Amino acid sequence: MMQISLRKLRVAMVLIAATSISLLAACAKHEDPPPPVRPVQLVQVKGADGAVSVFAGEVKPRHESDLAFRIAGKVVVRNVDMGSRVKKGDALARLDPADVGLQADAQRAALAAAETEYAFARDEFERYSHLYEQKFVSASALDQKRNTRDANRAKWEQAKAQLAVTQNQASYAALVAAEDGVITSVSVDVGQVVAAGQVVMRLARENEREVAIAVPESRIGELDHDAQLAIVLWSDRDKAYPARVREIAPAVDPVTRTFAVRVSLLATDVAPPWGTTANVVVRHASSVAGVLVPLPSIYQQEGRPAVWVYDATTGTVALRPIAIEAYREDGVVVSAGLKTGEWIVAAGVHKLTPNQLVRPYEDGIEASGVRPPNAARAAPTLRTADGRGRA
């Protein structure tokens, strides 16, 4: 009995201790964790210095020629491949010279026969002339010999011209580069029979490159004389090369409804490979007053545009209404509500609340060289609205 009573007493004491701990935990005050500091991507507001348009295009040579044999025949030699650099006078390909050689031999024989006939007719006319002076033949007989001589002389001249043509055709069996350049395409191989004038290669000059773009009808006016053009290669987007419009097609393409435009690259120290992609950037003088902000920074507050402005002293953001002047390819022109140099949130604007504590996003963003004062300790990574800057 004594052992049972001690066991019950121990169980009762354990229950009382557990109940006391539960009551003390329930009476303790519960505190919510502090809200997290959300990282944000900031951009600095800049002035709207001018409208910018961008057209994607392809690098092409200005001068490109289709090469073809001037006679028909079978290709027996091909000396170049696509991408080969050639000099003026280099032999690119050759046809079988047997046929043109036989034609030249046949024409030489025809010339010799015509020359023999002409010599006989000329001598015959001279003999009849002496006989006519001695009154042994009539004037009509002499005229007949004269006509025969003149006809044979014409046949002789014709045979000489045909021989020259045949000899030229023999030289046409070799396809020769007319100028320095690069072979951009080859559509013939050894053993293939080609017709006269059939394109077998394409030769492009290396002295001038340009970008071919297609401009819609509604935007062809952007390529006016006041526009400043630059070419930016996709392989090197940090550099912009000056350019000018060389040619605008006089008629719109019936399928794409666009104008074919050629933009010449003025820089001589760069030679982008043909076929690579490039952007033609067209910049116009600013016709509106205001500042430029990126499109993702616009937040709709009850149907009205606004932006989140970053306060560098408190590290918080506040929603500020703005007035939009125009939408452009490089951003949105704001005519009221912002000042040049202020910092705004550029992405994730729908995740923020008024007076929310934030910090500049540090990874994967280009720096600007200008940062809010309280962000100097954390060395944030910021960028300007044009996407340029440094940490």
Protein backbone atom coordinates (compact mmCIF):
# COMPACT_ATOMS: atom_id res chain seq x y z
CA MET A 1 0.00 0.00 0.00
CA MET A 2 2.81 2.33 0.86
CA GLN A 3 4.48 1.78 -2.57
CA ILE A 4 1.21 2.47 -4.43
CA SER A 5 0.68 5.71 -2.54
CA LEU A 6 4.21 6.91 -3.32
CA ARG A 7 3.75 6.14 -7.02
CA LYS A 8 0.46 8.09 -7.14
CA LEU A 9 2.12 10.98 -5.35
CA ARG A 10 4.92 11.14 -7.94
CA VAL A 11 2.46 11.09 -10.85
CA ALA A 12 0.45 13.87 -9.25
CA MET A 13 3.56 16.01 -8.80
CA VAL A 14 4.57 15.54 -12.47
CA LEU A 15 1.07 16.58 -13.62
CA ILE A 16 1.14 19.63 -11.38
CA ALA A 17 4.56 20.70 -12.76
CA ALA A 18 3.44 20.27 -16.39
CA THR A 19 0.28 22.27 -15.75
CA SER A 20 2.29 25.06 -14.14
CA ILE A 21 4.67 25.27 -17.11
CA SER A 22 1.72 25.40 -19.54
CA LEU A 23 0.07 28.19 -17.55
CA LEU A 24 3.28 30.20 -17.43
CA ALA A 25 3.78 29.78 -21.22
CA ALA A 26 0.20 30.87 -21.86
CA CYS A 27 0.61 33.94 -19.71
CA ALA A 28 3.87 34.98 -21.43
CA LYS A 29 3.50 37.85 -23.94
CA HIS A 30 3.80 36.75 -27.67
CA GLU A 31 5.77 39.18 -29.87
CA ASP A 32 5.59 39.09 -33.72
CA PRO A 33 8.93 38.94 -35.58
CA PRO A 34 10.01 42.17 -37.24
CA PRO A 35 9.03 42.52 -40.90
CA PRO A 36 11.78 41.48 -43.33
CA VAL A 37 13.72 44.13 -45.20
CA ARG A 38 12.78 43.57 -48.84
CA PRO A 39 15.52 44.00 -51.45
CA VAL A 40 14.50 46.28 -54.34
CA GLN A 41 16.01 47.26 -57.65
CA LEU A 42 16.53 51.01 -57.82
CA VAL A 43 17.08 53.33 -60.76
CA GLN A 44 17.93 56.99 -60.77
CA VAL A 45 15.59 59.34 -62.57
CA LYS A 46 17.20 61.09 -65.53
CA GLY A 47 16.09 63.74 -67.99
CA ALA A 48 14.29 62.76 -71.18
CA ASP A 49 17.04 63.75 -73.59
CA GLY A 50 15.39 62.43 -76.74
CA ALA A 51 13.27 59.67 -78.25
CA VAL A 52 15.06 56.45 -79.12
CA SER A 53 13.97 53.82 -81.65
CA VAL A 54 15.63 50.45 -82.17
CA PHE A 55 15.46 48.29 -85.30
CA ALA A 56 17.01 44.84 -85.48
CA GLY A 57 18.84 43.97 -88.68
CA GLU A 58 21.53 41.86 -90.32
CA VAL A 59 25.07 42.83 -91.31
CA LYS A 60 25.53 42.57 -95.07
CA PRO A 61 28.08 43.74 -97.64
CA ARG A 62 27.15 46.76 -99.70
CA HIS A 63 28.57 45.32 -102.93
CA GLU A 64 27.81 41.67 -103.65
CA SER A 65 27.97 40.13 -107.13
CA ASP A 66 26.58 36.89 -108.57
CA LEU A 67 29.23 35.04 -110.58
CA ALA A 68 28.40 32.78 -113.53
CA PHE A 69 30.05 31.21 -116.57
CA ARG A 70 29.32 32.94 -119.85
CA ILE A 71 29.12 29.61 -121.67
CA ALA A 72 27.64 26.23 -120.87
CA GLY A 73 29.77 23.26 -119.92
CA LYS A 74 30.87 20.73 -117.33
CA VAL A 75 32.75 21.91 -114.24
CA VAL A 76 36.11 20.13 -113.96
CA VAL A 77 37.90 22.36 -111.40
CA ARG A 78 36.72 24.39 -108.40
CA ASN A 79 39.46 26.24 -106.54
CA VAL A 80 37.52 28.02 -103.77
CA ASP A 81 35.00 27.28 -101.04
CA MET A 82 32.54 29.46 -99.19
CA GLY A 83 34.45 31.98 -97.08
CA SER A 84 37.58 31.96 -99.25
CA ARG A 85 39.28 35.32 -99.75
CA VAL A 86 40.30 35.93 -103.35
CA LYS A 87 42.26 38.53 -105.29
CA LYS A 88 41.44 40.12 -108.60
CA GLY A 89 42.33 37.74 -111.43
CA ASP A 90 42.27 34.54 -109.37
CA ALA A 91 40.80 31.49 -111.15
CA LEU A 92 37.77 30.36 -109.19
CA ALA A 93 36.53 27.46 -111.34
CA ARG A 94 37.01 26.00 -114.80
CA LEU A 95 34.87 24.21 -117.38
CA ASP A 96 35.93 21.33 -119.61
CA PRO A 97 37.85 23.10 -122.43
CA ALA A 98 37.48 20.28 -124.96
CA ASP A 99 34.31 21.53 -126.64
CA VAL A 100 35.37 25.18 -126.90
CA GLY A 101 38.80 24.06 -128.11
CA LEU A 102 37.28 22.03 -130.93
CA GLN A 103 35.04 24.94 -131.86
CA ALA A 104 38.09 27.19 -132.07
CA ASP A 105 39.90 24.68 -134.30
CA ALA A 106 36.88 24.43 -136.58
CA GLN A 107 36.66 28.19 -136.87
CA ARG A 108 40.37 28.46 -137.72
CA ALA A 109 39.81 26.01 -140.58
CA ALA A 110 36.81 28.00 -141.77
CA LEU A 111 38.93 31.16 -141.68
CA ALA A 112 41.65 29.50 -143.76
CA ALA A 113 39.07 28.38 -146.36
CA ALA A 114 37.55 31.84 -146.55
CA GLU A 115 40.97 33.42 -146.93
CA THR A 116 41.82 31.05 -149.80
CA GLU A 117 38.59 31.85 -151.61
CA TYR A 118 39.16 35.54 -151.15
CA ALA A 119 42.72 35.32 -152.50
CA PHE A 120 41.53 33.43 -155.59
CA ALA A 121 38.72 35.91 -156.22
CA ARG A 122 41.11 38.85 -155.83
CA ASP A 123 43.63 37.38 -158.29
CA GLU A 124 40.83 36.54 -160.71
CA PHE A 125 39.61 40.13 -160.61
CA GLU A 126 43.14 41.43 -161.35
CA ARG A 127 43.47 39.15 -164.41
CA TYR A 128 40.10 40.27 -165.74
CA SER A 129 41.14 43.86 -165.23
CA HIS A 130 44.13 43.38 -167.55
CA LEU A 131 41.94 41.59 -170.09
CA TYR A 132 39.39 44.39 -169.92
CA GLU A 133 42.11 46.97 -170.63
CA GLN A 134 43.02 44.97 -173.73
CA LYS A 135 39.35 44.77 -174.77
CA PHE A 136 39.26 40.96 -174.45
CA VAL A 137 36.37 40.86 -171.93
CA SER A 138 33.31 42.93 -171.46
CA ALA A 139 32.62 45.35 -168.63
CA SER A 140 29.87 43.09 -167.24
CA ALA A 141 32.33 40.19 -166.91
CA LEU A 142 34.72 42.47 -165.02
CA ASP A 143 31.88 43.62 -162.73
CA GLN A 144 30.98 40.00 -161.97
CA LYS A 145 34.56 39.26 -160.90
CA ARG A 146 34.58 42.41 -158.78
CA ASN A 147 31.41 41.32 -157.00
CA THR A 148 32.86 37.85 -156.40
CA ARG A 149 36.00 39.40 -154.91
CA ASP A 150 34.04 41.68 -152.60
CA ALA A 151 31.75 38.86 -151.44
CA ASN A 152 34.69 36.59 -150.62
CA ARG A 153 36.43 39.40 -148.78
CA ALA A 154 33.31 39.86 -146.64
CA LYS A 155 33.21 36.12 -145.91
CA TRP A 156 36.86 36.30 -144.88
CA GLU A 157 36.20 39.19 -142.52
CA GLN A 158 33.23 37.32 -141.07
CA ALA A 159 35.34 34.22 -140.47
CA LYS A 160 37.97 36.31 -138.65
CA ALA A 161 35.31 37.81 -136.36
CA GLN A 162 33.80 34.41 -135.62
CA LEU A 163 37.26 33.06 -134.75
CA ALA A 164 37.78 35.94 -132.29
CA VAL A 165 34.42 35.16 -130.67
CA THR A 166 35.29 31.47 -130.44
CA GLN A 167 38.64 32.28 -128.87
CA ASN A 168 36.93 34.51 -126.33
CA GLN A 169 34.53 31.70 -125.51
CA ALA A 170 37.51 29.45 -124.93
CA SER A 171 38.74 31.94 -122.33
CA TYR A 172 35.25 32.00 -120.79
CA ALA A 173 35.81 28.40 -119.68
CA ALA A 174 37.70 29.86 -116.69
CA LEU A 175 35.73 31.79 -114.04
CA VAL A 176 37.98 34.63 -112.83
CA ALA A 177 37.47 36.99 -109.88
CA ALA A 178 36.81 40.49 -111.18
CA GLU A 179 37.89 42.15 -107.89
CA ASP A 180 39.15 41.44 -104.40
CA GLY A 181 36.62 40.00 -101.98
CA VAL A 182 35.21 37.01 -100.16
CA ILE A 183 33.18 34.13 -101.59
CA THR A 184 29.92 34.19 -99.62
CA SER A 185 28.19 31.25 -101.31
CA VAL A 186 29.00 28.38 -103.67
CA SER A 187 26.29 26.45 -105.53
CA VAL A 188 28.32 24.29 -107.93
CA ASP A 189 30.65 21.33 -107.59
CA VAL A 190 33.04 19.38 -109.81
CA GLY A 191 31.21 17.24 -112.35
CA GLN A 192 28.13 19.42 -112.50
CA VAL A 193 26.90 20.67 -115.87
CA VAL A 194 25.92 24.34 -115.81
CA ALA A 195 24.12 26.55 -118.29
CA ALA A 196 25.35 29.88 -119.54
CA GLY A 197 24.52 32.58 -116.99
CA GLN A 198 23.68 30.16 -114.17
CA VAL A 199 24.82 31.60 -110.83
CA VAL A 200 27.52 29.38 -109.34
CA MET A 201 29.14 31.69 -106.74
CA ARG A 202 28.67 34.99 -104.95
CA LEU A 203 31.48 37.46 -104.37
CA ALA A 204 31.29 40.28 -101.81
CA ARG A 205 33.66 43.19 -101.33
CA GLU A 206 35.16 43.77 -97.91
CA ASN A 207 35.62 47.51 -98.10
CA GLU A 208 32.15 48.51 -96.85
CA ARG A 209 29.58 46.90 -94.56
CA GLU A 210 26.03 47.90 -93.77
CA VAL A 211 22.99 46.72 -91.84
CA ALA A 212 19.76 45.75 -93.60
CA ILE A 213 16.60 46.52 -91.62
CA ALA A 214 12.86 46.45 -92.33
CA VAL A 215 10.93 49.53 -91.18
CA PRO A 216 7.10 49.52 -90.94
CA GLU A 217 5.11 52.06 -92.88
CA SER A 218 4.03 53.86 -89.72
CA ARG A 219 7.64 54.40 -88.59
CA ILE A 220 9.47 55.25 -91.78
CA GLY A 221 9.25 58.93 -90.82
CA GLU A 222 11.59 58.30 -87.87
CA LEU A 223 14.52 58.07 -90.30
CA ASP A 224 14.52 61.79 -91.03
CA HIS A 225 17.60 63.93 -91.60
CA ASP A 226 17.71 65.17 -88.00
CA ALA A 227 17.95 61.68 -86.51
CA GLN A 228 21.25 60.40 -85.12
CA LEU A 229 21.95 56.79 -86.03
CA ALA A 230 24.23 54.27 -84.39
CA ILE A 231 24.84 50.55 -84.89
CA VAL A 232 25.18 48.28 -81.86
CA LEU A 233 26.40 44.73 -82.49
CA TRP A 234 24.81 41.94 -80.47
CA SER A 235 28.27 40.46 -79.97
CA ASP A 236 29.52 43.72 -78.39
CA ARG A 237 26.66 45.72 -76.91
CA ASP A 238 28.93 48.09 -74.99
CA LYS A 239 29.96 49.98 -78.13
CA ALA A 240 27.91 52.06 -80.55
CA TYR A 241 29.28 52.88 -84.00
CA PRO A 242 28.12 55.91 -86.02
CA ALA A 243 25.99 55.18 -89.07
CA ARG A 244 23.88 56.81 -91.75
CA VAL A 245 20.95 55.81 -93.91
CA ARG A 246 22.25 54.97 -97.37
CA GLU A 247 19.16 53.70 -99.10
CA ILE A 248 15.42 53.46 -98.50
CA ALA A 249 13.38 51.27 -100.83
CA PRO A 250 11.01 53.38 -102.95
CA ALA A 251 8.18 50.83 -102.60
CA VAL A 252 6.84 48.87 -99.65
CA ASP A 253 7.21 45.09 -99.60
CA PRO A 254 3.82 43.60 -100.61
CA VAL A 255 4.11 40.73 -98.10
CA THR A 256 5.61 42.29 -94.96
CA ARG A 257 4.35 45.84 -95.60
CA THR A 258 7.75 47.21 -94.62
CA PHE A 259 10.39 49.31 -96.33
CA ALA A 260 13.81 47.77 -96.92
CA VAL A 261 16.43 50.16 -95.52
CA ARG A 262 20.22 49.94 -95.76
CA VAL A 263 22.25 51.66 -93.02
CA SER A 264 25.97 52.13 -93.69
CA LEU A 265 28.55 51.58 -90.96
CA LEU A 266 30.83 54.63 -90.98
CA ALA A 267 33.51 53.22 -88.67
CA THR A 268 36.51 51.81 -90.51
CA ASP A 269 38.10 50.11 -87.49
CA VAL A 270 35.42 47.45 -87.13
CA ALA A 271 34.51 44.63 -89.52
CA PRO A 272 31.63 42.56 -88.10
CA PRO A 273 31.10 39.17 -89.77
CA TRP A 274 28.44 39.10 -92.45
CA GLY A 275 25.15 37.65 -91.36
CA THR A 276 25.52 38.68 -87.70
CA THR A 277 22.72 40.51 -85.93
CA ALA A 278 22.93 44.20 -85.09
CA ASN A 279 20.61 46.91 -83.77
CA VAL A 280 20.16 50.25 -85.50
CA VAL A 281 19.52 52.85 -82.79
CA VAL A 282 17.76 56.03 -83.96
CA ARG A 283 17.85 58.98 -81.57
CA HIS A 284 15.88 62.19 -82.03
CA ALA A 285 16.16 65.54 -80.32
CA SER A 286 13.84 65.83 -77.32
CA SER A 287 10.57 67.58 -78.08
CA VAL A 288 9.00 67.18 -74.61
CA ALA A 289 10.02 68.35 -71.14
CA GLY A 290 10.21 65.81 -68.35
CA VAL A 291 12.15 62.89 -66.94
CA LEU A 292 12.55 59.32 -68.15
CA VAL A 293 11.71 56.23 -66.04
CA PRO A 294 11.59 52.55 -66.98
CA LEU A 295 8.20 51.09 -67.83
CA PRO A 296 8.23 48.39 -65.07
CA SER A 297 8.47 51.12 -62.43
CA ILE A 298 4.93 52.39 -63.14
CA TYR A 299 2.37 51.38 -60.47
CA GLN A 300 -1.38 51.88 -60.95
CA GLN A 301 -3.04 53.44 -57.89
CA GLU A 302 -6.80 53.46 -58.34
CA GLY A 303 -6.35 53.70 -62.09
CA ARG A 304 -3.79 56.51 -61.90
CA PRO A 305 -0.04 56.10 -62.51
CA ALA A 306 2.38 56.35 -59.61
CA VAL A 307 5.92 55.28 -58.65
CA TRP A 308 7.60 54.15 -55.43
CA VAL A 309 10.16 56.77 -54.39
CA TYR A 310 13.06 55.63 -52.24
CA ASP A 311 13.98 57.74 -49.19
CA ALA A 312 17.69 57.36 -48.62
CA THR A 313 17.59 58.73 -45.04
CA THR A 314 15.02 56.26 -43.69
CA GLY A 315 15.49 53.40 -46.15
CA THR A 316 11.75 53.29 -46.89
CA VAL A 317 9.59 53.77 -49.97
CA ALA A 318 6.59 56.04 -50.51
CA LEU A 319 4.02 56.00 -53.32
CA ARG A 320 3.92 59.21 -55.36
CA PRO A 321 1.43 60.03 -58.17
CA ILE A 322 2.92 61.10 -61.52
CA ALA A 323 1.75 62.49 -64.85
CA ILE A 324 2.82 60.56 -67.97
CA GLU A 325 3.69 62.57 -71.06
CA ALA A 326 4.60 59.80 -73.55
CA TYR A 327 5.56 56.15 -73.87
CA ARG A 328 8.81 55.38 -75.71
CA GLU A 329 10.86 52.31 -76.47
CA ASP A 330 13.50 53.29 -73.93
CA GLY A 331 11.04 54.15 -71.13
CA VAL A 332 8.21 56.43 -70.04
CA VAL A 333 8.41 60.24 -70.12
CA VAL A 334 7.01 61.72 -66.87
CA SER A 335 6.05 65.40 -67.03
CA ALA A 336 5.15 65.92 -63.35
CA GLY A 337 5.72 64.25 -59.99
CA LEU A 338 9.44 63.42 -60.22
CA LYS A 339 12.72 65.28 -60.26
CA THR A 340 16.00 64.39 -61.90
CA GLY A 341 18.31 62.55 -59.51
CA GLU A 342 15.64 60.90 -57.35
CA TRP A 343 15.70 57.14 -56.83
CA ILE A 344 12.68 54.97 -57.59
CA VAL A 345 11.89 51.27 -57.51
CA ALA A 346 12.28 49.72 -60.96
CA ALA A 347 10.90 46.21 -60.46
CA GLY A 348 8.48 44.41 -58.15
CA VAL A 349 6.38 47.51 -57.52
CA HIS A 350 3.24 45.45 -56.79
CA LYS A 351 4.93 43.78 -53.79
CA LEU A 352 5.49 46.97 -51.79
CA THR A 353 3.50 48.84 -49.14
CA PRO A 354 3.78 52.47 -47.99
CA ASN A 355 6.68 53.19 -45.61
CA GLN A 356 8.06 49.70 -46.10
CA LEU A 357 11.70 49.22 -45.14
CA VAL A 358 13.77 48.18 -48.15
CA ARG A 359 17.37 47.80 -49.19
CA PRO A 360 18.98 48.14 -52.63
CA TYR A 361 19.37 44.85 -54.48
CA GLU A 362 23.07 44.03 -54.75
CA ASP A 363 23.37 41.05 -57.15
CA GLY A 364 23.14 41.00 -60.91
CA ILE A 365 22.55 44.73 -61.44
CA GLU A 366 24.90 47.17 -63.12
CA ALA A 367 26.15 49.92 -60.81
CA SER A 368 25.58 53.63 -61.24
CA GLY A 369 28.34 55.42 -59.35
CA VAL A 370 25.71 57.36 -57.32
CA ARG A 371 24.09 55.74 -54.27
CA PRO A 372 21.82 56.91 -51.43
CA PRO A 373 23.74 58.08 -48.33
CA ASN A 374 22.60 55.31 -45.96
CA ALA A 375 23.45 52.64 -48.53
CA ALA A 376 27.17 53.39 -48.48
CA ARG A 377 27.90 50.87 -45.71
CA ALA A 378 26.26 47.96 -47.54
CA ALA A 379 27.84 49.00 -50.88
CA PRO A 380 24.60 48.45 -52.80
CA THR A 381 24.47 47.91 -56.49
CA LEU A 382 22.35 50.55 -58.22
CA ARG A 383 21.80 51.56 -61.79
CA THR A 384 20.48 54.55 -63.65
CA ALA A 385 17.40 54.52 -65.84
CA ASP A 386 19.51 54.05 -68.94
CA GLY A 387 20.96 50.83 -67.46
CA ARG A 388 24.51 52.11 -67.07
CA GLY A 389 26.69 52.73 -64.02
CA ARG A 390 29.08 51.13 -61.58
CA ALA A 391 29.10 49.81 -58.00
